[in-house]
Amino acid sequence: MQLSEFDFPFDPQLVASQPVMPRDQARLLVLHRATDHLMHHQVSDLPLLLEPGDLVIVNDTKVLAARMRGLKQPGGTPAEVLFVKDLGDHVWEIMVKGRYRVGQVIEFRADAHATIVKRDAGGTQVKVCSAVPVADLLRAQGEMPLPPYIKRASTEEDRRWYQTLFATHEGAIAAPTAGLHFTPSLVAHMNSRGIRLATVTLHVGPGTFTPVSADRVEDHHMAEEAFALNEDVVKAIIDTKLAGRRVVAVGTTVVRALETAAQETGMVTSMSGQSRLLITPGFRFKVVDALMTNFHLPRTTLLMLVAAFAGIESVRKAYESAVCTRYRFYSYGDAMLIL
């Protein structure tokens, strides 16, 4: 398929710069795949839109406050560094914009600096020299890595806003945004309706957001992202399938974790590893029966996954409706439920 097929008309004023409070009061556009019928709800209606026995699976990754500000040395020019992945032995994969060369020192504070040891088309790596572990450094003075389409600086409130209720395993550089809508009261309502909840882990990394430059979307290369499924979620999936109920993935990251681990029989096994799965129209889903997701940027792998699940024309019409009815878009925006 051609990349141009994943465009849609959009109004930049719809980009949400902060979330609705309470979070489950965000709007929820419901798309029924069998009929293409659209309905308008709120996220708090989710328990009434699902059935007892359905299994809702969320991503329990925790976002690192991974953006650090420092100074290039010598010279003192301001620098902004996004810490992406711990490679071991004090070496980190990072993302930076601007001119940097191997040997460049970035000072974060008197007892912490990084030296660039690799800078090429394959990425940028630094060796960190710090009196405290990098994770502690980030907790102390890192900023939440808000996406660039949110046109404001990160605030202290974002440390709470940009983290899901389920955040447990630290390692993501972006939030699994569909999970941001869940509140304790929403979970309690789900439980009272007999709707079960389970977790998987996929640490959201650059692979999720790397721009697609290939004209043919199938030629795009997905960077690896760490994921894990434990035995509890696998058993819950098997029990749900045997009972004839639905597996509801909350977010594209959950879809990728589940479908990466799927066997040809449609079941999954407990495992951990790296996912490089690119899901585009034509993909055969083996596990996921329904999907809750936020609204995504045009020409992205996230939108391609949604189109693969619901059909590209159905998704295009749904997005057109969302734009016309002024849904809020992207990380802090509203959501969509595809049944």
Foldseek 3Di string as FASTA:
>chain_A
DFLVLQDADFDLVLADLAFDPPLQQFKAWEAELVVLDIDIDTSLCVLVVFAALEEEEEAQAWAFLFWAWFAKPPPRHIWIKGFAADPDPQKTFIDGDDDDDAQIKTDRDPFKIWGWHDDDPVGTMTRIGGPDDVSVVRVVGGHQQDDPSSPDGGDPVCSVQQTAPNHDHYHANGHLQLRSSDDPVSVVSNVVRNHHYYYKHWHHGCQQPPFDDDRDSVPDWGDKIKIWDAPVVLVSQVVSVVVVGFHEYRGPRSQQRQQVQADPQLGGDTDIDITRDQAAAPDDHSRHDKYKHFADDGSGSRSRNVCNVRNSVSVNVSVVVCNVVSWRHDRNTHMYIYD
